[in-house]
Amino acid sequence: MDNDTYNRMFSEKKFQGTISFSYSLSKLSWLRVGGPVDILFRPKNKDNLVSFLKKAPCYIPITTIGVCSNLLIRDGGINGVALKLGSGFAEIEISDDEVKVGAGNLGARVAIHLSKFGFDMSFLRTIPGTIGGAVLMNAGCYGYSFGDYVSAIEGITRDGKFIKLSKKDLDFSYRKCQMSDELIVTSVILKPVRLQREVIEEKMEKAVFQRQKTQPVKLPSCGSTFKNPDGKPSLMKETKIKLKAWKLIDEAGLRGKKIGNAQVSEKHPNFLINLGGATASDIEVLGEHVRKIVYEKHNITLDWELIRIGKK
């Protein structure tokens, strides 16, 4: 479909919110790579989103994105609409022992805000992504997983209907949950643990220090690239985990390996970084090379944790 057709079909006069055409998603990507999307739509609120979904032709594909902190968008870009939830989906509502947070919130913002009220979601402090993404990926670190604290989610279907799913419906497991790709998560109801504010703040400070010490925070990356083969976080409270992705990569001699302007981080081998000017292809080819060499060395297949979408 050509740009003129998209312009007529998706005019801002028809849809409230911000609409951008042929938008380069590299501007949003933490890796600073990726091709264009035909349409980027940023609704102001739920009503705008429902209106858009009801009017958008069903044959137009819609992809929901957050801050693209765990997303590799290939160089050919993606067809159709990229839907990005912003400030209109960033509410934080506290009620007794439950908290309702908008899917557009950054996890770090939620962790800091809730700490003031004695709710401990401190592990989110160092996870770069939105609450919506945290649901989809069952994000976690240091032995904690987002799904452990979820009571329910609220969302909107592709045809513009509101829906609420319980934790049981989502069936959380290591770095995933069972949820339709067409469901757009708008908010999450959490049941955090209560702790003293000072204790939570200390935990967050330690987590930030640990991240800066062990991860390449000054270069573009998308965090952990591969899942741990045994399906567990790499840093558990019980230090009994043997199969760590970073260790398998390191033992295969891949620390510092480069393809194009993409590199296996010397600081943390499970991070692929953009040295400047890398393409999405550089990142993906390097990742597949890592998987190949690790398999040859250890007879273990690493699964991508980084989500890859779009045309090559």
C-alpha atoms as a PDB file:
ATOM      1  CA  MET A   1       0.000   0.000   0.000  1.00  0.00           C
ATOM      2  CA  ASP A   2       1.462   3.393  -0.996  1.00  0.00           C
ATOM      3  CA  ASN A   3       1.917   6.416   1.242  1.00  0.00           C
ATOM      4  CA  ASP A   4      -0.915   8.410  -0.351  1.00  0.00           C
ATOM      5  CA  THR A   5      -3.379   5.641   0.451  1.00  0.00           C
ATOM      6  CA  TYR A   6      -2.166   5.477   4.042  1.00  0.00           C
ATOM      7  CA  ASN A   7      -2.400   9.272   4.322  1.00  0.00           C
ATOM      8  CA  ARG A   8      -6.030   9.226   3.215  1.00  0.00           C
ATOM      9  CA  MET A   9      -6.918   6.248   5.376  1.00  0.00           C
ATOM     10  CA  PHE A  10      -5.193   7.402   8.563  1.00  0.00           C
ATOM     11  CA  SER A  11      -5.674  11.137   8.808  1.00  0.00           C
ATOM     12  CA  GLU A  12      -5.312  12.831  12.202  1.00  0.00           C
ATOM     13  CA  LYS A  13      -8.678  14.406  11.455  1.00  0.00           C
ATOM     14  CA  LYS A  14     -10.197  10.935  11.757  1.00  0.00           C
ATOM     15  CA  PHE A  15      -8.129   9.692  14.685  1.00  0.00           C
ATOM     16  CA  GLN A  16      -7.238  11.628  17.813  1.00  0.00           C
ATOM     17  CA  GLY A  17      -3.655  11.127  18.822  1.00  0.00           C
ATOM     18  CA  THR A  18      -0.378  11.505  16.949  1.00  0.00           C
ATOM     19  CA  ILE A  19       0.096   9.829  13.581  1.00  0.00           C
ATOM     20  CA  SER A  20       3.453   9.656  11.776  1.00  0.00           C
ATOM     21  CA  PHE A  21       3.982   8.139   8.334  1.00  0.00           C
ATOM     22  CA  SER A  22       7.050   6.168   7.176  1.00  0.00           C
ATOM     23  CA  TYR A  23       8.531   6.599  10.642  1.00  0.00           C
ATOM     24  CA  SER A  24      12.042   5.259  11.230  1.00  0.00           C
ATOM     25  CA  LEU A  25      11.833   3.010  14.278  1.00  0.00           C
ATOM     26  CA  SER A  26      15.571   3.336  14.843  1.00  0.00           C
ATOM     27  CA  LYS A  27      14.650   6.611  16.570  1.00  0.00           C
ATOM     28  CA  LEU A  28      12.859   4.615  19.266  1.00  0.00           C
ATOM     29  CA  SER A  29      15.094   1.542  19.430  1.00  0.00           C
ATOM     30  CA  TRP A  30      17.517   1.123  22.308  1.00  0.00           C
ATOM     31  CA  LEU A  31      19.864  -0.518  19.804  1.00  0.00           C
ATOM     32  CA  ARG A  32      19.497   2.487  17.465  1.00  0.00           C
ATOM     33  CA  VAL A  33      18.736   0.195  14.537  1.00  0.00           C
ATOM     34  CA  GLY A  34      15.683  -0.739  12.503  1.00  0.00           C
ATOM     35  CA  GLY A  35      13.747   0.245   9.427  1.00  0.00           C
ATOM     36  CA  PRO A  36      10.544   2.266   9.030  1.00  0.00           C
ATOM     37  CA  VAL A  37       6.955   1.465   9.873  1.00  0.00           C
ATOM     38  CA  ASP A  38       4.185   2.597   7.540  1.00  0.00           C
ATOM     39  CA  ILE A  39       2.302   4.311  10.366  1.00  0.00           C
ATOM     40  CA  LEU A  40       3.232   5.106  13.962  1.00  0.00           C
ATOM     41  CA  PHE A  41       0.128   5.830  16.052  1.00  0.00           C
ATOM     42  CA  ARG A  42       0.348   7.271  19.575  1.00  0.00           C
ATOM     43  CA  PRO A  43      -3.153   7.476  21.097  1.00  0.00           C
ATOM     44  CA  LYS A  44      -3.893  10.033  23.806  1.00  0.00           C
ATOM     45  CA  ASN A  45      -6.045   7.695  25.887  1.00  0.00           C
ATOM     46  CA  LYS A  46      -8.090   4.491  25.855  1.00  0.00           C
ATOM     47  CA  ASP A  47     -11.044   6.070  24.074  1.00  0.00           C
ATOM     48  CA  ASN A  48      -8.758   7.255  21.255  1.00  0.00           C
ATOM     49  CA  LEU A  49      -7.287   3.788  21.010  1.00  0.00           C
ATOM     50  CA  VAL A  50     -10.684   2.081  20.862  1.00  0.00           C
ATOM     51  CA  SER A  51     -11.836   4.492  18.154  1.00  0.00           C
ATOM     52  CA  PHE A  52      -8.710   3.810  16.119  1.00  0.00           C
ATOM     53  CA  LEU A  53      -9.041   0.039  16.401  1.00  0.00           C
ATOM     54  CA  LYS A  54     -12.678   0.073  15.383  1.00  0.00           C
ATOM     55  CA  LYS A  55     -12.013   2.224  12.324  1.00  0.00           C
ATOM     56  CA  ALA A  56      -8.718   0.700  11.182  1.00  0.00           C
ATOM     57  CA  PRO A  57      -9.274  -1.921   8.445  1.00  0.00           C
ATOM     58  CA  CYS A  58      -8.880  -5.451   9.814  1.00  0.00           C
ATOM     59  CA  TYR A  59      -6.370  -6.347   7.081  1.00  0.00           C
ATOM     60  CA  ILE A  60      -3.897  -3.722   8.320  1.00  0.00           C
ATOM     61  CA  PRO A  61      -1.435  -5.406  10.719  1.00  0.00           C
ATOM     62  CA  ILE A  62      -0.959  -3.698  14.083  1.00  0.00           C
ATOM     63  CA  THR A  63       2.164  -4.186  16.196  1.00  0.00           C
ATOM     64  CA  THR A  64       2.309  -2.835  19.744  1.00  0.00           C
ATOM     65  CA  ILE A  65       5.688  -1.477  20.808  1.00  0.00           C
ATOM     66  CA  GLY A  66       6.993   0.086  23.994  1.00  0.00           C
ATOM     67  CA  VAL A  67      10.404   1.703  24.248  1.00  0.00           C
ATOM     68  CA  CYS A  68      11.915  -1.111  22.152  1.00  0.00           C
ATOM     69  CA  SER A  69      14.322  -2.120  24.910  1.00  0.00           C
ATOM     70  CA  ASN A  70      13.920  -5.833  24.154  1.00  0.00           C
ATOM     71  CA  LEU A  71      12.993  -5.556  20.502  1.00  0.00           C
ATOM     72  CA  LEU A  72      15.151  -5.884  17.391  1.00  0.00           C
ATOM     73  CA  ILE A  73      13.399  -4.279  14.430  1.00  0.00           C
ATOM     74  CA  ARG A  74      14.953  -5.540  11.224  1.00  0.00           C
ATOM     75  CA  ASP A  75      16.313  -3.161   8.589  1.00  0.00           C
ATOM     76  CA  GLY A  76      13.348  -3.623   6.249  1.00  0.00           C
ATOM     77  CA  GLY A  77      10.985  -2.266   8.888  1.00  0.00           C
ATOM     78  CA  ILE A  78       7.450  -3.486   9.561  1.00  0.00           C
ATOM     79  CA  ASN A  79       4.238  -3.265   7.595  1.00  0.00           C
ATOM     80  CA  GLY A  80       1.091  -1.579   8.808  1.00  0.00           C
ATOM     81  CA  VAL A  81       0.764   0.212  12.133  1.00  0.00           C
ATOM     82  CA  ALA A  82       3.103   0.413  15.110  1.00  0.00           C
ATOM     83  CA  LEU A  83       1.098   1.331  18.181  1.00  0.00           C
ATOM     84  CA  LYS A  84       2.936   3.112  20.987  1.00  0.00           C
ATOM     85  CA  LEU A  85       1.246   3.872  24.314  1.00  0.00           C
ATOM     86  CA  GLY A  86       2.438   7.046  26.023  1.00  0.00           C
ATOM     87  CA  SER A  87       1.561   9.356  28.908  1.00  0.00           C
ATOM     88  CA  GLY A  88      -2.163   8.665  28.589  1.00  0.00           C
ATOM     89  CA  PHE A  89      -1.421   5.115  29.694  1.00  0.00           C
ATOM     90  CA  ALA A  90       0.899   5.937  32.589  1.00  0.00           C
ATOM     91  CA  GLU A  91      -1.449   6.044  35.564  1.00  0.00           C
ATOM     92  CA  ILE A  92      -0.429   4.653  38.958  1.00  0.00           C
ATOM     93  CA  GLU A  93      -3.392   4.058  41.283  1.00  0.00           C
ATOM     94  CA  ILE A  94      -2.883   2.658  44.786  1.00  0.00           C
ATOM     95  CA  SER A  95      -5.717   0.934  46.658  1.00  0.00           C
ATOM     96  CA  ASP A  96      -5.036  -0.966  49.884  1.00  0.00           C
ATOM     97  CA  ASP A  97      -2.697  -3.811  48.916  1.00  0.00           C
ATOM     98  CA  GLU A  98      -3.239  -3.563  45.172  1.00  0.00           C
ATOM     99  CA  VAL A  99      -1.756  -1.202  42.625  1.00  0.00           C
ATOM    100  CA  LYS A 100      -3.037  -0.465  39.140  1.00  0.00           C
ATOM    101  CA  VAL A 101      -0.369   0.745  36.740  1.00  0.00           C
ATOM    102  CA  GLY A 102      -0.720   1.832  33.130  1.00  0.00           C
ATOM    103  CA  ALA A 103       1.081  -0.229  30.502  1.00  0.00           C
ATOM    104  CA  GLY A 104       2.875   2.853  29.176  1.00  0.00           C
ATOM    105  CA  ASN A 105       4.777   3.374  32.430  1.00  0.00           C
ATOM    106  CA  LEU A 106       8.474   2.649  32.561  1.00  0.00           C
ATOM    107  CA  GLY A 107       9.206  -0.115  35.044  1.00  0.00           C
ATOM    108  CA  ALA A 108      11.855   2.010  36.757  1.00  0.00           C
ATOM    109  CA  ARG A 109       9.341   4.820  37.312  1.00  0.00           C
ATOM    110  CA  VAL A 110       6.883   2.382  38.867  1.00  0.00           C
ATOM    111  CA  ALA A 111       9.542   0.943  41.184  1.00  0.00           C
ATOM    112  CA  ILE A 112      10.609   4.387  42.411  1.00  0.00           C
ATOM    113  CA  HIS A 113       7.048   5.671  42.848  1.00  0.00           C
ATOM    114  CA  LEU A 114       5.796   2.606  44.721  1.00  0.00           C
ATOM    115  CA  SER A 115       8.788   2.617  47.065  1.00  0.00           C
ATOM    116  CA  LYS A 116       7.472   5.875  48.543  1.00  0.00           C
ATOM    117  CA  PHE A 117       4.378   3.980  49.697  1.00  0.00           C
ATOM    118  CA  GLY A 118       6.230   0.947  51.018  1.00  0.00           C
ATOM    119  CA  PHE A 119       5.558  -1.324  48.031  1.00  0.00           C
ATOM    120  CA  ASP A 120       8.567  -3.332  46.902  1.00  0.00           C
ATOM    121  CA  MET A 121       8.936  -3.721  43.143  1.00  0.00           C
ATOM    122  CA  SER A 122      12.616  -2.821  43.372  1.00  0.00           C
ATOM    123  CA  PHE A 123      13.764  -5.377  40.785  1.00  0.00           C
ATOM    124  CA  LEU A 124      12.054  -3.258  38.110  1.00  0.00           C
ATOM    125  CA  ARG A 125      14.427  -0.386  38.858  1.00  0.00           C
ATOM    126  CA  THR A 126      17.100  -1.694  36.501  1.00  0.00           C
ATOM    127  CA  ILE A 127      14.887  -3.243  33.809  1.00  0.00           C
ATOM    128  CA  PRO A 128      14.693  -0.842  30.847  1.00  0.00           C
ATOM    129  CA  GLY A 129      11.203  -1.231  29.489  1.00  0.00           C
ATOM    130  CA  THR A 130       7.525  -0.521  29.943  1.00  0.00           C
ATOM    131  CA  ILE A 131       5.006  -2.302  32.121  1.00  0.00           C
ATOM    132  CA  GLY A 132       3.297  -3.600  28.993  1.00  0.00           C
ATOM    133  CA  GLY A 133       6.540  -5.187  27.867  1.00  0.00           C
ATOM    134  CA  ALA A 134       7.152  -6.576  31.353  1.00  0.00           C
ATOM    135  CA  VAL A 135       3.868  -8.494  31.096  1.00  0.00           C
ATOM    136  CA  LEU A 136       4.602  -9.915  27.660  1.00  0.00           C
ATOM    137  CA  MET A 137       8.134 -11.021  28.560  1.00  0.00           C
ATOM    138  CA  ASN A 138       7.511 -11.808  32.230  1.00  0.00           C
ATOM    139  CA  ALA A 139      10.495  -9.553  32.783  1.00  0.00           C
ATOM    140  CA  GLY A 140      12.774 -10.185  35.695  1.00  0.00           C
ATOM    141  CA  CYS A 141      16.229 -10.224  37.236  1.00  0.00           C
ATOM    142  CA  TYR A 142      18.007 -11.285  40.413  1.00  0.00           C
ATOM    143  CA  GLY A 143      15.562 -14.136  40.961  1.00  0.00           C
ATOM    144  CA  TYR A 144      12.401 -12.032  40.644  1.00  0.00           C
ATOM    145  CA  SER A 145       9.815 -12.212  37.864  1.00  0.00           C
ATOM    146  CA  PHE A 146       7.093  -9.707  37.033  1.00  0.00           C
ATOM    147  CA  GLY A 147       4.403 -12.371  36.743  1.00  0.00           C
ATOM    148  CA  ASP A 148       4.816 -13.263  40.417  1.00  0.00           C
ATOM    149  CA  TYR A 149       3.209  -9.939  41.335  1.00  0.00           C
ATOM    150  CA  VAL A 150       0.469  -9.749  38.704  1.00  0.00           C
ATOM    151  CA  SER A 151      -3.131 -10.142  39.855  1.00  0.00           C
ATOM    152  CA  ALA A 152      -4.788  -9.311  36.517  1.00  0.00           C
ATOM    153  CA  ILE A 153      -4.367  -7.296  33.347  1.00  0.00           C
ATOM    154  CA  GLU A 154      -6.719  -5.056  31.416  1.00  0.00           C
ATOM    155  CA  GLY A 155      -6.540  -4.657  27.677  1.00  0.00           C
ATOM    156  CA  ILE A 156      -8.285  -3.919  24.414  1.00  0.00           C
ATOM    157  CA  THR A 157      -8.829  -6.436  21.631  1.00  0.00           C
ATOM    158  CA  ARG A 158      -8.100  -5.824  17.949  1.00  0.00           C
ATOM    159  CA  ASP A 159     -11.781  -5.040  17.363  1.00  0.00           C
ATOM    160  CA  GLY A 160     -11.861  -2.437  20.149  1.00  0.00           C
ATOM    161  CA  LYS A 161     -13.395  -4.386  23.028  1.00  0.00           C
ATOM    162  CA  PHE A 162     -12.268  -4.087  26.652  1.00  0.00           C
ATOM    163  CA  ILE A 163     -11.138  -7.301  28.320  1.00  0.00           C
ATOM    164  CA  LYS A 164      -9.741  -8.328  31.715  1.00  0.00           C
ATOM    165  CA  LEU A 165      -7.627 -11.439  32.257  1.00  0.00           C
ATOM    166  CA  SER A 166      -6.624 -13.007  35.564  1.00  0.00           C
ATOM    167  CA  LYS A 167      -3.137 -14.212  36.409  1.00  0.00           C
ATOM    168  CA  LYS A 168      -4.339 -17.774  35.830  1.00  0.00           C
ATOM    169  CA  ASP A 169      -5.326 -16.883  32.268  1.00  0.00           C
ATOM    170  CA  LEU A 170      -1.821 -15.635  31.516  1.00  0.00           C
ATOM    171  CA  ASP A 171       0.099 -18.757  32.604  1.00  0.00           C
ATOM    172  CA  PHE A 172       3.416 -17.003  33.278  1.00  0.00           C
ATOM    173  CA  SER A 173       6.656 -18.922  32.783  1.00  0.00           C
ATOM    174  CA  TYR A 174      10.306 -18.025  32.234  1.00  0.00           C
ATOM    175  CA  ARG A 175      10.387 -14.929  30.024  1.00  0.00           C
ATOM    176  CA  LYS A 176       6.931 -15.410  28.543  1.00  0.00           C
ATOM    177  CA  CYS A 177       3.210 -15.495  29.179  1.00  0.00           C
ATOM    178  CA  GLN A 178       0.285 -16.973  27.286  1.00  0.00           C
ATOM    179  CA  MET A 179      -1.455 -14.001  25.729  1.00  0.00           C
ATOM    180  CA  SER A 180      -2.868 -13.283  22.291  1.00  0.00           C
ATOM    181  CA  ASP A 181      -0.575 -11.208  20.086  1.00  0.00           C
ATOM    182  CA  GLU A 182      -3.603  -9.104  19.138  1.00  0.00           C
ATOM    183  CA  LEU A 183      -4.425  -8.082  22.722  1.00  0.00           C
ATOM    184  CA  ILE A 184      -3.175  -4.614  23.626  1.00  0.00           C
ATOM    185  CA  VAL A 185      -2.397  -4.434  27.347  1.00  0.00           C
ATOM    186  CA  THR A 186      -3.475  -1.077  28.775  1.00  0.00           C
ATOM    187  CA  SER A 187      -2.991  -1.607  32.517  1.00  0.00           C
ATOM    188  CA  VAL A 188      -1.855  -4.167  35.076  1.00  0.00           C
ATOM    189  CA  ILE A 189      -3.116  -4.852  38.599  1.00  0.00           C
ATOM    190  CA  LEU A 190      -0.241  -5.763  40.905  1.00  0.00           C
ATOM    191  CA  LYS A 191       0.033  -7.127  44.438  1.00  0.00           C
ATOM    192  CA  PRO A 192       3.484  -6.016  45.594  1.00  0.00           C
ATOM    193  CA  VAL A 193       5.163  -7.007  48.845  1.00  0.00           C
ATOM    194  CA  ARG A 194       5.278  -4.354  51.567  1.00  0.00           C
ATOM    195  CA  LEU A 195       8.610  -3.261  53.029  1.00  0.00           C
ATOM    196  CA  GLN A 196      10.012  -0.206  54.749  1.00  0.00           C
ATOM    197  CA  ARG A 197      10.792   2.555  52.293  1.00  0.00           C
ATOM    198  CA  GLU A 198      14.413   2.758  53.391  1.00  0.00           C
ATOM    199  CA  VAL A 199      14.931  -0.963  52.775  1.00  0.00           C
ATOM    200  CA  ILE A 200      13.434  -0.737  49.286  1.00  0.00           C
ATOM    201  CA  GLU A 201      15.545   2.281  48.386  1.00  0.00           C
ATOM    202  CA  GLU A 202      18.684   0.486  49.546  1.00  0.00           C
ATOM    203  CA  LYS A 203      17.796  -2.524  47.379  1.00  0.00           C
ATOM    204  CA  MET A 204      17.347  -0.254  44.362  1.00  0.00           C
ATOM    205  CA  GLU A 205      20.643   1.519  44.972  1.00  0.00           C
ATOM    206  CA  LYS A 206      22.456  -1.813  45.132  1.00  0.00           C
ATOM    207  CA  ALA A 207      20.751  -3.001  41.947  1.00  0.00           C
ATOM    208  CA  VAL A 208      21.740   0.162  40.069  1.00  0.00           C
ATOM    209  CA  PHE A 209      25.325  -0.168  41.290  1.00  0.00           C
ATOM    210  CA  GLN A 210      25.443  -3.831  40.255  1.00  0.00           C
ATOM    211  CA  ARG A 211      24.059  -3.020  36.814  1.00  0.00           C
ATOM    212  CA  GLN A 212      26.591  -0.264  36.207  1.00  0.00           C
ATOM    213  CA  LYS A 213      29.388  -2.530  37.390  1.00  0.00           C
ATOM    214  CA  THR A 214      28.511  -5.564  35.272  1.00  0.00           C
ATOM    215  CA  GLN A 215      26.636  -4.305  32.191  1.00  0.00           C
ATOM    216  CA  PRO A 216      27.607  -2.062  29.241  1.00  0.00           C
ATOM    217  CA  VAL A 217      25.200   0.726  30.169  1.00  0.00           C
ATOM    218  CA  LYS A 218      26.978   3.406  28.114  1.00  0.00           C
ATOM    219  CA  LEU A 219      26.468   1.687  24.751  1.00  0.00           C
ATOM    220  CA  PRO A 220      23.234   0.867  22.886  1.00  0.00           C
ATOM    221  CA  SER A 221      21.989  -2.632  23.667  1.00  0.00           C
ATOM    222  CA  CYS A 222      18.765  -4.461  24.452  1.00  0.00           C
ATOM    223  CA  GLY A 223      19.879  -6.171  27.632  1.00  0.00           C
ATOM    224  CA  SER A 224      20.137  -9.946  27.830  1.00  0.00           C
ATOM    225  CA  THR A 225      20.113 -11.359  24.306  1.00  0.00           C
ATOM    226  CA  PHE A 226      19.603 -15.050  25.054  1.00  0.00           C
ATOM    227  CA  LYS A 227      17.601 -16.977  27.609  1.00  0.00           C
ATOM    228  CA  ASN A 228      19.395 -19.163  30.106  1.00  0.00           C
ATOM    229  CA  PRO A 229      19.119 -22.766  28.860  1.00  0.00           C
ATOM    230  CA  ASP A 230      17.634 -24.104  32.089  1.00  0.00           C
ATOM    231  CA  GLY A 231      14.918 -21.473  32.044  1.00  0.00           C
ATOM    232  CA  LYS A 232      15.973 -19.547  35.117  1.00  0.00           C
ATOM    233  CA  PRO A 233      17.295 -16.026  35.766  1.00  0.00           C
ATOM    234  CA  SER A 234      21.060 -15.680  35.642  1.00  0.00           C
ATOM    235  CA  LEU A 235      21.328 -14.249  39.146  1.00  0.00           C
ATOM    236  CA  MET A 236      19.231 -16.217  41.619  1.00  0.00           C
ATOM    237  CA  LYS A 237      19.109 -15.728  45.344  1.00  0.00           C
ATOM    238  CA  GLU A 238      20.172 -19.378  45.497  1.00  0.00           C
ATOM    239  CA  THR A 239      23.487 -19.548  43.642  1.00  0.00           C
ATOM    240  CA  LYS A 240      22.952 -23.026  42.204  1.00  0.00           C
ATOM    241  CA  ILE A 241      22.383 -22.181  38.558  1.00  0.00           C
ATOM    242  CA  LYS A 242      24.953 -23.830  36.299  1.00  0.00           C
ATOM    243  CA  LEU A 243      23.689 -23.052  32.801  1.00  0.00           C
ATOM    244  CA  LYS A 244      24.081 -19.314  32.414  1.00  0.00           C
ATOM    245  CA  ALA A 245      23.913 -17.955  28.883  1.00  0.00           C
ATOM    246  CA  TRP A 246      26.694 -15.429  29.454  1.00  0.00           C
ATOM    247  CA  LYS A 247      29.009 -18.122  30.800  1.00  0.00           C
ATOM    248  CA  LEU A 248      28.385 -20.467  27.868  1.00  0.00           C
ATOM    249  CA  ILE A 249      29.113 -17.599  25.470  1.00  0.00           C
ATOM    250  CA  ASP A 250      32.264 -16.650  27.343  1.00  0.00           C
ATOM    251  CA  GLU A 251      33.550 -20.231  27.465  1.00  0.00           C
ATOM    252  CA  ALA A 252      33.011 -20.458  23.707  1.00  0.00           C
ATOM    253  CA  GLY A 253      35.559 -17.658  23.297  1.00  0.00           C
ATOM    254  CA  LEU A 254      33.063 -15.113  21.997  1.00  0.00           C
ATOM    255  CA  ARG A 255      33.597 -12.241  24.415  1.00  0.00           C
ATOM    256  CA  GLY A 256      34.387  -9.196  22.261  1.00  0.00           C
ATOM    257  CA  LYS A 257      33.472 -10.907  18.954  1.00  0.00           C
ATOM    258  CA  LYS A 258      32.499  -8.381  16.241  1.00  0.00           C
ATOM    259  CA  ILE A 259      30.463  -8.535  13.064  1.00  0.00           C
ATOM    260  CA  GLY A 260      30.165  -5.219  11.291  1.00  0.00           C
ATOM    261  CA  ASN A 261      29.640  -2.630  14.015  1.00  0.00           C
ATOM    262  CA  ALA A 262      27.927  -5.061  16.379  1.00  0.00           C
ATOM    263  CA  GLN A 263      29.873  -6.664  19.200  1.00  0.00           C
ATOM    264  CA  VAL A 264      29.490  -9.232  21.953  1.00  0.00           C
ATOM    265  CA  SER A 265      30.072  -7.042  24.978  1.00  0.00           C
ATOM    266  CA  GLU A 266      33.409  -7.536  26.695  1.00  0.00           C
ATOM    267  CA  LYS A 267      31.777  -6.487  29.953  1.00  0.00           C
ATOM    268  CA  HIS A 268      28.817  -8.895  29.772  1.00  0.00           C
ATOM    269  CA  PRO A 269      28.878 -11.548  27.002  1.00  0.00           C
ATOM    270  CA  ASN A 270      25.086 -11.954  26.927  1.00  0.00           C
ATOM    271  CA  PHE A 271      24.766  -8.361  25.716  1.00  0.00           C
ATOM    272  CA  LEU A 272      25.102  -7.483  22.035  1.00  0.00           C
ATOM    273  CA  ILE A 273      26.030  -3.839  21.611  1.00  0.00           C
ATOM    274  CA  ASN A 274      26.003  -1.284  18.817  1.00  0.00           C
ATOM    275  CA  LEU A 275      29.458   0.256  18.573  1.00  0.00           C
ATOM    276  CA  GLY A 276      28.067   2.967  16.313  1.00  0.00           C
ATOM    277  CA  GLY A 277      26.574   2.561  12.875  1.00  0.00           C
ATOM    278  CA  ALA A 278      25.568  -1.083  13.272  1.00  0.00           C
ATOM    279  CA  THR A 279      22.585  -2.401  11.340  1.00  0.00           C
ATOM    280  CA  ALA A 280      19.883  -4.704  12.616  1.00  0.00           C
ATOM    281  CA  SER A 281      21.389  -7.314  10.312  1.00  0.00           C
ATOM    282  CA  ASP A 282      24.770  -6.933  12.044  1.00  0.00           C
ATOM    283  CA  ILE A 283      23.095  -7.610  15.393  1.00  0.00           C
ATOM    284  CA  GLU A 284      21.083 -10.600  14.183  1.00  0.00           C
ATOM    285  CA  VAL A 285      23.929 -12.192  12.221  1.00  0.00           C
ATOM    286  CA  LEU A 286      26.200 -11.828  15.248  1.00  0.00           C
ATOM    287  CA  GLY A 287      23.545 -13.391  17.458  1.00  0.00           C
ATOM    288  CA  GLU A 288      23.132 -16.360  15.129  1.00  0.00           C
ATOM    289  CA  HIS A 289      26.915 -16.763  15.023  1.00  0.00           C
ATOM    290  CA  VAL A 290      26.959 -16.865  18.829  1.00  0.00           C
ATOM    291  CA  ARG A 291      24.247 -19.542  18.837  1.00  0.00           C
ATOM    292  CA  LYS A 292      26.173 -21.617  16.274  1.00  0.00           C
ATOM    293  CA  ILE A 293      29.494 -21.497  18.121  1.00  0.00           C
ATOM    294  CA  VAL A 294      27.905 -22.169  21.528  1.00  0.00           C
ATOM    295  CA  TYR A 295      26.149 -25.209  20.084  1.00  0.00           C
ATOM    296  CA  GLU A 296      29.389 -26.496  18.547  1.00  0.00           C
ATOM    297  CA  LYS A 297      31.233 -25.967  21.827  1.00  0.00           C
ATOM    298  CA  HIS A 298      28.618 -27.117  24.356  1.00  0.00           C
ATOM    299  CA  ASN A 299      25.957 -28.985  22.333  1.00  0.00           C
ATOM    300  CA  ILE A 300      23.442 -26.514  23.801  1.00  0.00           C
ATOM    301  CA  THR A 301      21.100 -24.324  21.768  1.00  0.00           C
ATOM    302  CA  LEU A 302      20.622 -20.796  23.058  1.00  0.00           C
ATOM    303  CA  ASP A 303      17.147 -19.376  22.510  1.00  0.00           C
ATOM    304  CA  TRP A 304      16.717 -15.702  21.706  1.00  0.00           C
ATOM    305  CA  GLU A 305      15.311 -13.602  24.532  1.00  0.00           C
ATOM    306  CA  LEU A 306      15.475 -10.544  22.299  1.00  0.00           C
ATOM    307  CA  ILE A 307      12.312 -10.356  20.191  1.00  0.00           C
ATOM    308  CA  ARG A 308      13.008  -9.929  16.470  1.00  0.00           C
ATOM    309  CA  ILE A 309      10.377  -8.557  14.108  1.00  0.00           C
ATOM    310  CA  GLY A 310      10.154  -7.053  10.648  1.00  0.00           C
ATOM    311  CA  LYS A 311      11.540  -7.581   7.174  1.00  0.00           C
ATOM    312  CA  LYS A 312      15.202  -8.290   6.506  1.00  0.00           C
END
